[in-house]
């Protein structure tokens, strides 16, 4: 049964105020990018020459994002400069070119953020998430008004005794990881270890039961910040219009995770790599309609100008090694050496990379037509999935376990060697080496959200780092209060 949740303007009725420190900022209702249901039979499709002009420069329909929002496009290989555009075609994909000759300003590298997969069977986003998150923000507002919680917890673990343990117990009890009856005591016991693990699970941290490293950092985040995350996330959900079908997909960007939801429960969770802070993945909703096997990639004009041309000036053999072909208006391949790379003439041609092992989309692309031309895909750089910090792409979402994910999306879609498309059938088809598109029998709704704080019921809320720095509830009032009186 399909449910549709309408939350336009609902947040405005909730009291998001904290004793002159934080205040609500209104959010505009979002627009969704949806598409009609796909056809039921797979058929290869031709590549477009580039992303449509209408996709250039668009921002998230749900919230304002930092500068240089993605307009789609293939992700770069590690160390390559970011690009701002992407192909709209289901066949898009290729490793981004190497850095340009111009010296780049050093980037600020964020500290590692553990994003362990949750084992909660409840989806991050479900029909009651907005209301539960708004309610949680009120509870955390009350915690702030009551003085918050200790923010000088020491690095401790099992075997510790004394005042440091008592302070930790108080901290965990205030948020609800310990019961009021367990809020005092100088000894570390099994109950306290379990409480620390509950805290770690809510934060997306490894459940070690020890307060150190990323756990120590998270436990000392002030209550005011946690309230701000919940209120900001609820603000972004206000006005959300999304179809919660019996099967849908949720990508929570701060969690760097992909959830396959069936009948209201998460049946699969996958580690993801999402956009870096300079090229953030947008919040968007669409429908997954096609699985592209052995995709190619048509290079957007912006990448040709900013990255390909400077690279070719330094390294004339780059396109040949990267298996990127130059095609003229009639589709005929031309020799890269016939192009004057000291000009922008190359931008008048179509540059297309062949599919294969070197393709930065790997072997599978998940097609979800949308105005921003973003998508989900495989990657040859699979070692990055094991990193603590997975904000590395240029806007698209890379998925670990993409074969299993694609097989789940294709359940009920015929056409495989045995009538269906399981992991083995997909791998066998990919080994043939030819481009092949499989249209889903029924499109699957997908939504990318940016929830740094959320709740789906009573008890402590879940939190992730605000990597994109977009939690802004209360900022305007705080700035006004900080301004000198004249």
Foldseek 3Di string as FASTA:
>chain_A
DKDKAFQAPVLVPAALDAPLFFFFDAWHFFDAFADDADAQFWDDDDFDLFADPLLPPDAFRLDGFDPLAALAAEWADPQADFDRYHGLDLQAFFHFFHHFPDDDDDDDDDDFAAQADAPAFFDQDDNCWLVQLSVQLVLLSVCVNVPWAALPQDWFAAPFFDPSVLRLLLLLCSQFLDPPVSNGHGHDDPSQLSSLQVVCSLANHPSPSTCDDNNSVVSNDTSVVQSLLSSLQSSSCRNDIFMPDQWAWEAAPLSQKIFTHHNRTGPDIWHKFAAALNHGAHWHKYWFWKKKFLGKHKDHLRSCVRPVLSVCVVPVCVCVVSQKFWAAPVRDTDDSVVDDSVDSVSSRTIIMHGGDLNIQQGGIWGNTRGSSSETEGAGNPVVLSPTSHRNRTNHHMYTPPVLQVVQVQQVVRADFPVGGRHSVRSVVVNVVVDIIMGTHNTIHMYTYGHRQWIDDDDGRIHGGDPSNPDSCGRVVSNVVVPDDDD
